[in-house]
């Protein structure tokens, strides 16, 4: 390869070393279409360096400003107004009442962990066996 090609394209092995992954991982990315590859002859695969750069993305995307949330100037936490306090207390009381209603419907019995339910059903099926 010429020096221009050497600068633009790298082998799968070199690409893996540059990214700190195994060559099989790079081949898997090529097979899945995540990474473009180019053939040089019948066997050799090459990858563009700029395509490798595109693989590196931020782990966490910042949401665009003004989307989904009301934007307020960054300030320290403020105290709730008396009206907000009353709303919060009313919501907590409604949640307590709802929980009490559910508990009453269940005869005061709380929900069992899922593994206990599985054990009960397994034991019940075992008792039904001949």
N, C-alpha and C. Protein backbone atom coordinates (compact mmCIF):
# COMPACT_ATOMS: atom_id res chain seq x y z
N UNK A 1 0.84 -1.19 0.00
CA UNK A 1 0.00 0.00 0.00
C UNK A 1 0.89 1.24 0.00
N UNK A 2 0.36 2.29 -0.59
CA UNK A 2 1.11 3.54 -0.59
C UNK A 2 0.97 4.22 0.76
N UNK A 3 1.74 5.26 0.97
CA UNK A 3 1.69 5.94 2.26
C UNK A 3 0.34 6.62 2.48
N UNK A 4 -0.30 7.10 1.41
CA UNK A 4 -1.63 7.71 1.55
C UNK A 4 -2.63 6.68 2.00
N UNK A 5 -2.60 5.49 1.39
CA UNK A 5 -3.50 4.42 1.81
C UNK A 5 -3.19 3.98 3.23
N UNK A 6 -1.91 3.92 3.58
CA UNK A 6 -1.53 3.53 4.94
C UNK A 6 -2.10 4.50 5.97
N UNK A 7 -2.19 5.77 5.61
CA UNK A 7 -2.71 6.76 6.54
C UNK A 7 -4.23 6.72 6.64
N UNK A 8 -4.91 6.34 5.55
CA UNK A 8 -6.37 6.34 5.53
C UNK A 8 -6.96 5.03 6.02
N UNK A 9 -6.31 3.90 5.71
CA UNK A 9 -6.87 2.58 6.00
C UNK A 9 -5.94 1.81 6.93
N UNK A 10 -6.54 1.01 7.81
CA UNK A 10 -5.75 0.12 8.68
C UNK A 10 -6.37 -1.28 8.61
N UNK A 11 -5.56 -2.26 8.95
CA UNK A 11 -6.05 -3.63 8.98
C UNK A 11 -6.95 -3.83 10.20
N UNK A 12 -7.67 -4.94 10.21
CA UNK A 12 -8.54 -5.26 11.33
C UNK A 12 -7.71 -5.38 12.61
N UNK A 13 -6.54 -5.98 12.51
CA UNK A 13 -5.67 -6.15 13.69
C UNK A 13 -5.23 -4.80 14.25
N UNK A 14 -4.83 -3.90 13.37
CA UNK A 14 -4.39 -2.57 13.81
C UNK A 14 -5.58 -1.80 14.38
N UNK A 15 -6.74 -1.91 13.73
CA UNK A 15 -7.94 -1.24 14.25
C UNK A 15 -8.26 -1.72 15.64
N UNK A 16 -8.15 -3.03 15.88
CA UNK A 16 -8.43 -3.58 17.20
C UNK A 16 -7.45 -3.04 18.23
N UNK A 17 -6.18 -2.95 17.86
CA UNK A 17 -5.18 -2.40 18.79
C UNK A 17 -5.46 -0.93 19.10
N UNK A 18 -5.85 -0.17 18.08
CA UNK A 18 -6.13 1.25 18.29
C UNK A 18 -7.32 1.44 19.23
N UNK A 19 -8.33 0.57 19.12
CA UNK A 19 -9.53 0.70 19.93
C UNK A 19 -9.43 -0.04 21.26
N UNK A 20 -8.42 -0.88 21.41
CA UNK A 20 -8.27 -1.63 22.66
C UNK A 20 -9.26 -2.77 22.78
N UNK A 21 -9.62 -3.38 21.64
CA UNK A 21 -10.53 -4.52 21.64
C UNK A 21 -9.87 -5.66 20.87
N UNK A 22 -10.50 -6.82 20.89
CA UNK A 22 -9.98 -7.99 20.18
C UNK A 22 -10.33 -7.86 18.69
N UNK A 23 -9.52 -8.42 17.84
CA UNK A 23 -9.77 -8.37 16.39
C UNK A 23 -11.12 -9.01 16.05
N UNK A 24 -11.52 -10.04 16.79
CA UNK A 24 -12.82 -10.67 16.54
C UNK A 24 -13.96 -9.69 16.78
N UNK A 25 -13.78 -8.78 17.73
CA UNK A 25 -14.80 -7.77 18.00
C UNK A 25 -14.94 -6.83 16.79
N UNK A 26 -13.82 -6.43 16.23
CA UNK A 26 -13.85 -5.55 15.04
C UNK A 26 -14.54 -6.28 13.89
N UNK A 27 -14.20 -7.56 13.70
CA UNK A 27 -14.86 -8.34 12.63
C UNK A 27 -16.35 -8.47 12.88
N UNK A 28 -16.77 -8.63 14.13
CA UNK A 28 -18.19 -8.71 14.47
C UNK A 28 -18.89 -7.39 14.15
N UNK A 29 -18.23 -6.27 14.44
CA UNK A 29 -18.80 -4.96 14.12
C UNK A 29 -18.96 -4.81 12.61
N UNK A 30 -17.99 -5.31 11.85
CA UNK A 30 -18.07 -5.26 10.39
C UNK A 30 -19.23 -6.12 9.91
N UNK A 31 -19.34 -7.34 10.43
CA UNK A 31 -20.42 -8.26 10.03
C UNK A 31 -21.80 -7.69 10.35
N UNK A 32 -21.93 -6.99 11.49
CA UNK A 32 -23.22 -6.45 11.89
C UNK A 32 -23.55 -5.13 11.20
N UNK A 33 -22.58 -4.54 10.50
CA UNK A 33 -22.82 -3.27 9.82
C UNK A 33 -22.52 -2.06 10.68
N UNK A 34 -22.04 -2.28 11.89
CA UNK A 34 -21.70 -1.17 12.78
C UNK A 34 -20.48 -0.41 12.26
N UNK A 35 -19.59 -1.13 11.59
CA UNK A 35 -18.34 -0.55 11.09
C UNK A 35 -18.18 -0.94 9.62
N UNK A 36 -17.91 0.06 8.77
CA UNK A 36 -17.67 -0.22 7.35
C UNK A 36 -16.27 -0.79 7.18
N UNK A 37 -16.15 -1.74 6.26
CA UNK A 37 -14.85 -2.31 5.93
C UNK A 37 -14.74 -2.40 4.42
N UNK A 38 -13.51 -2.46 3.95
CA UNK A 38 -13.23 -2.49 2.53
C UNK A 38 -12.30 -3.66 2.24
N UNK A 39 -12.52 -4.34 1.12
CA UNK A 39 -11.68 -5.48 0.75
C UNK A 39 -10.50 -5.02 -0.08
N UNK A 40 -9.35 -5.60 0.22
CA UNK A 40 -8.16 -5.44 -0.59
C UNK A 40 -7.80 -6.84 -1.05
N UNK A 41 -8.19 -7.18 -2.25
CA UNK A 41 -8.00 -8.54 -2.70
C UNK A 41 -9.08 -9.44 -2.12
N UNK A 42 -8.92 -10.75 -2.27
CA UNK A 42 -9.97 -11.67 -1.85
C UNK A 42 -10.08 -11.86 -0.34
N UNK A 43 -9.03 -11.59 0.41
CA UNK A 43 -9.05 -11.90 1.84
C UNK A 43 -8.89 -10.73 2.79
N UNK A 44 -8.14 -9.76 2.42
CA UNK A 44 -7.75 -8.72 3.37
C UNK A 44 -8.84 -7.68 3.56
N UNK A 45 -9.17 -7.40 4.82
CA UNK A 45 -10.15 -6.37 5.17
C UNK A 45 -9.42 -5.15 5.70
N UNK A 46 -9.85 -3.99 5.24
CA UNK A 46 -9.29 -2.74 5.74
C UNK A 46 -10.42 -1.87 6.28
N UNK A 47 -10.07 -1.01 7.22
CA UNK A 47 -11.04 -0.11 7.85
C UNK A 47 -10.48 1.30 7.75
N UNK A 48 -11.37 2.25 7.43
CA UNK A 48 -10.93 3.65 7.38
C UNK A 48 -10.74 4.16 8.80
N UNK A 49 -9.68 4.91 8.99
CA UNK A 49 -9.43 5.50 10.31
C UNK A 49 -10.57 6.43 10.74
N UNK A 50 -11.13 7.17 9.79
CA UNK A 50 -12.22 8.09 10.16
C UNK A 50 -13.47 7.32 10.60
N UNK A 51 -13.68 6.10 10.07
CA UNK A 51 -14.80 5.28 10.54
C UNK A 51 -14.56 4.80 11.97
N UNK A 52 -13.30 4.57 12.32
CA UNK A 52 -12.98 4.19 13.70
C UNK A 52 -13.29 5.36 14.64
N UNK A 53 -12.97 6.56 14.18
CA UNK A 53 -13.25 7.74 15.00
C UNK A 53 -14.75 7.88 15.27
N UNK A 54 -15.59 7.51 14.27
CA UNK A 54 -17.04 7.64 14.44
C UNK A 54 -17.60 6.64 15.45
N UNK A 55 -16.87 5.57 15.73
CA UNK A 55 -17.33 4.59 16.72
C UNK A 55 -17.30 5.16 18.13
N UNK A 56 -16.42 6.11 18.35
CA UNK A 56 -16.25 6.66 19.69
C UNK A 56 -17.28 7.78 19.87
N UNK A 57 -18.25 7.52 20.76
CA UNK A 57 -19.33 8.46 21.00
C UNK A 57 -19.45 8.70 22.50
N UNK A 58 -20.09 9.79 22.90
CA UNK A 58 -20.27 10.04 24.34
C UNK A 58 -21.12 8.93 24.96
N UNK A 59 -20.77 8.55 26.17
CA UNK A 59 -21.50 7.51 26.87
C UNK A 59 -22.89 7.99 27.28
N UNK A 60 -23.02 9.26 27.54
CA UNK A 60 -24.30 9.81 27.99
C UNK A 60 -24.59 11.07 27.18
N UNK A 61 -25.72 11.07 26.52
CA UNK A 61 -26.11 12.22 25.72
C UNK A 61 -26.79 13.25 26.60
N UNK A 62 -26.43 14.49 26.45
CA UNK A 62 -27.08 15.57 27.18
C UNK A 62 -28.35 15.93 26.43
N UNK A 63 -29.49 16.04 27.12
CA UNK A 63 -30.72 16.41 26.41
C UNK A 63 -30.62 17.85 25.91
N UNK A 64 -31.21 18.12 24.76
CA UNK A 64 -31.18 19.49 24.26
C UNK A 64 -31.89 20.43 25.23
N UNK A 65 -31.41 21.64 25.31
CA UNK A 65 -31.98 22.63 26.23
C UNK A 65 -33.42 22.91 25.83
N UNK A 66 -34.31 22.89 26.82
CA UNK A 66 -35.69 23.22 26.58
C UNK A 66 -36.57 22.06 26.16
N UNK A 67 -36.03 20.85 26.11
CA UNK A 67 -36.83 19.69 25.69
C UNK A 67 -37.23 18.89 26.92
N UNK A 68 -38.52 18.76 27.13
CA UNK A 68 -39.05 17.89 28.17
C UNK A 68 -39.06 18.44 29.58
N UNK A 69 -38.37 19.50 29.84
CA UNK A 69 -38.31 20.02 31.20
C UNK A 69 -38.41 21.54 31.17
N UNK A 70 -38.95 22.07 32.21
CA UNK A 70 -38.99 23.52 32.36
C UNK A 70 -37.61 23.96 32.80
N UNK A 71 -37.04 24.89 32.08
CA UNK A 71 -35.70 25.36 32.41
C UNK A 71 -35.80 26.49 33.44
N UNK A 72 -35.05 26.34 34.51
CA UNK A 72 -34.98 27.39 35.52
C UNK A 72 -33.52 27.74 35.71
N UNK A 73 -33.31 28.94 36.18
CA UNK A 73 -31.92 29.32 36.44
C UNK A 73 -31.39 28.47 37.59
N UNK A 74 -30.12 28.05 37.49
CA UNK A 74 -29.56 27.20 38.54
C UNK A 74 -29.44 27.97 39.86
N UNK A 75 -30.21 27.53 40.84
CA UNK A 75 -30.16 28.15 42.16
C UNK A 75 -30.10 27.05 43.20
N UNK A 76 -29.84 27.43 44.41
CA UNK A 76 -29.86 26.47 45.50
C UNK A 76 -31.29 26.01 45.72
N UNK A 77 -31.45 24.87 46.37
CA UNK A 77 -32.79 24.39 46.65
C UNK A 77 -33.54 25.41 47.48
N UNK A 78 -34.78 25.61 47.12
CA UNK A 78 -35.57 26.59 47.84
C UNK A 78 -36.59 25.87 48.72
N UNK A 79 -37.09 26.55 49.68
CA UNK A 79 -38.14 26.01 50.54
C UNK A 79 -39.45 25.99 49.79
N UNK A 80 -40.30 25.03 50.14
CA UNK A 80 -41.61 24.97 49.53
C UNK A 80 -42.49 26.09 50.08
N UNK A 81 -43.35 26.58 49.22
CA UNK A 81 -44.31 27.57 49.68
C UNK A 81 -45.36 26.84 50.52
N UNK A 82 -46.11 27.57 51.35
CA UNK A 82 -47.15 26.91 52.15
C UNK A 82 -48.15 26.14 51.27
N UNK A 83 -48.47 26.68 50.11
CA UNK A 83 -49.40 26.00 49.19
C UNK A 83 -48.78 24.68 48.70
N UNK A 84 -47.50 24.70 48.33
CA UNK A 84 -46.81 23.48 47.87
C UNK A 84 -46.71 22.46 49.00
N UNK A 85 -46.50 22.93 50.21
CA UNK A 85 -46.43 22.01 51.35
C UNK A 85 -47.77 21.31 51.54
N UNK A 86 -48.88 22.06 51.43
CA UNK A 86 -50.20 21.46 51.58
C UNK A 86 -50.47 20.44 50.47
N UNK A 87 -50.06 20.75 49.25
CA UNK A 87 -50.24 19.81 48.14
C UNK A 87 -49.44 18.53 48.38
N UNK A 88 -48.21 18.67 48.87
CA UNK A 88 -47.38 17.49 49.13
C UNK A 88 -47.98 16.64 50.24
N UNK A 89 -48.43 17.29 51.31
CA UNK A 89 -49.05 16.55 52.42
C UNK A 89 -50.33 15.84 51.97
N UNK A 90 -51.12 16.50 51.12
CA UNK A 90 -52.35 15.89 50.62
C UNK A 90 -52.01 14.66 49.75
N UNK A 91 -50.97 14.75 48.93
CA UNK A 91 -50.57 13.62 48.08
C UNK A 91 -50.08 12.46 48.94
N UNK A 92 -49.33 12.75 50.00
CA UNK A 92 -48.85 11.68 50.89
C UNK A 92 -50.02 11.01 51.59
N UNK A 93 -51.00 11.78 52.03
CA UNK A 93 -52.17 11.21 52.71
C UNK A 93 -52.98 10.35 51.75
N UNK A 94 -53.13 10.78 50.49
CA UNK A 94 -53.84 9.99 49.49
C UNK A 94 -53.12 8.66 49.24
N UNK A 95 -51.79 8.69 49.22
CA UNK A 95 -51.02 7.45 49.05
C UNK A 95 -51.21 6.52 50.24
N UNK A 96 -51.21 7.07 51.44
CA UNK A 96 -51.44 6.25 52.65
C UNK A 96 -52.82 5.60 52.61
N UNK A 97 -53.84 6.38 52.23
CA UNK A 97 -55.20 5.84 52.17
C UNK A 97 -55.29 4.74 51.12
N UNK A 98 -54.65 4.95 49.99
CA UNK A 98 -54.67 3.94 48.93
C UNK A 98 -54.00 2.65 49.41
N UNK A 99 -52.88 2.77 50.10
CA UNK A 99 -52.18 1.59 50.62
C UNK A 99 -53.04 0.87 51.65
N UNK A 100 -53.75 1.65 52.50
CA UNK A 100 -54.62 1.04 53.51
C UNK A 100 -55.78 0.30 52.85
N UNK A 101 -56.34 0.85 51.78
CA UNK A 101 -57.42 0.18 51.06
C UNK A 101 -56.95 -1.13 50.45
N UNK A 102 -55.79 -1.12 49.86
CA UNK A 102 -55.24 -2.34 49.25
C UNK A 102 -54.98 -3.39 50.33
N UNK A 103 -54.41 -2.95 51.45
CA UNK A 103 -54.14 -3.88 52.55
C UNK A 103 -55.45 -4.47 53.08
N UNK A 104 -56.51 -3.65 53.16
CA UNK A 104 -57.81 -4.14 53.63
C UNK A 104 -58.39 -5.15 52.65
N UNK A 105 -58.24 -4.91 51.36
CA UNK A 105 -58.72 -5.84 50.34
C UNK A 105 -58.00 -7.19 50.44
N UNK A 106 -56.76 -7.16 50.86
CA UNK A 106 -55.96 -8.38 50.97
C UNK A 106 -56.06 -9.00 52.36
N UNK A 107 -56.98 -8.51 53.18
CA UNK A 107 -57.15 -9.06 54.51
C UNK A 107 -55.99 -8.74 55.44
N UNK A 108 -55.34 -7.62 55.22
CA UNK A 108 -54.23 -7.22 56.06
C UNK A 108 -52.91 -7.89 55.69
N UNK A 109 -52.96 -8.79 54.73
CA UNK A 109 -51.75 -9.53 54.35
C UNK A 109 -50.96 -8.72 53.32
N UNK A 110 -49.67 -8.53 53.57
CA UNK A 110 -48.82 -7.82 52.64
C UNK A 110 -48.43 -8.74 51.49
N UNK A 111 -47.96 -8.15 50.43
CA UNK A 111 -47.50 -8.95 49.29
C UNK A 111 -46.28 -9.75 49.70
N UNK A 112 -46.22 -11.00 49.25
CA UNK A 112 -45.07 -11.86 49.55
C UNK A 112 -44.02 -11.66 48.46
N UNK A 113 -42.75 -11.86 48.80
CA UNK A 113 -41.72 -11.80 47.75
C UNK A 113 -41.99 -12.86 46.69
N UNK A 114 -41.56 -12.61 45.47
CA UNK A 114 -41.88 -13.51 44.36
C UNK A 114 -41.34 -14.91 44.60
N UNK A 115 -40.19 -15.06 45.27
CA UNK A 115 -39.65 -16.41 45.49
C UNK A 115 -40.56 -17.20 46.42
N UNK A 116 -41.25 -16.50 47.35
CA UNK A 116 -42.18 -17.21 48.23
C UNK A 116 -43.39 -17.70 47.45
N UNK A 117 -43.88 -16.88 46.52
CA UNK A 117 -45.00 -17.29 45.69
C UNK A 117 -44.62 -18.49 44.82
N UNK A 118 -43.41 -18.47 44.28
CA UNK A 118 -42.94 -19.60 43.47
C UNK A 118 -42.85 -20.87 44.31
N UNK A 119 -42.32 -20.75 45.52
CA UNK A 119 -42.22 -21.92 46.40
C UNK A 119 -43.60 -22.48 46.73
N UNK A 120 -44.57 -21.58 46.99
CA UNK A 120 -45.93 -22.02 47.30
C UNK A 120 -46.53 -22.79 46.13
N UNK A 121 -46.41 -22.24 44.93
CA UNK A 121 -47.00 -22.91 43.77
C UNK A 121 -46.29 -24.22 43.47
N UNK A 122 -44.99 -24.29 43.69
CA UNK A 122 -44.24 -25.53 43.49
C UNK A 122 -44.69 -26.59 44.49
N UNK A 123 -44.84 -26.20 45.75
CA UNK A 123 -45.31 -27.13 46.78
C UNK A 123 -46.72 -27.62 46.47
N UNK A 124 -47.57 -26.72 46.00
CA UNK A 124 -48.94 -27.09 45.68
C UNK A 124 -48.97 -28.12 44.54
N UNK A 125 -48.16 -27.92 43.51
CA UNK A 125 -48.10 -28.88 42.40
C UNK A 125 -47.54 -30.21 42.86
N UNK A 126 -46.58 -30.18 43.79
CA UNK A 126 -46.00 -31.42 44.30
C UNK A 126 -47.05 -32.21 45.05
N UNK A 127 -47.87 -31.53 45.84
CA UNK A 127 -48.94 -32.23 46.59
C UNK A 127 -49.97 -32.85 45.64
N UNK A 128 -50.17 -32.25 44.49
CA UNK A 128 -51.16 -32.77 43.52
C UNK A 128 -50.65 -33.98 42.75
N UNK A 129 -49.35 -34.23 42.78
CA UNK A 129 -48.79 -35.38 42.05
C UNK A 129 -49.24 -36.68 42.71
N UNK A 130 -49.44 -37.76 41.91
CA UNK A 130 -49.87 -39.04 42.49
C UNK A 130 -48.79 -39.69 43.32
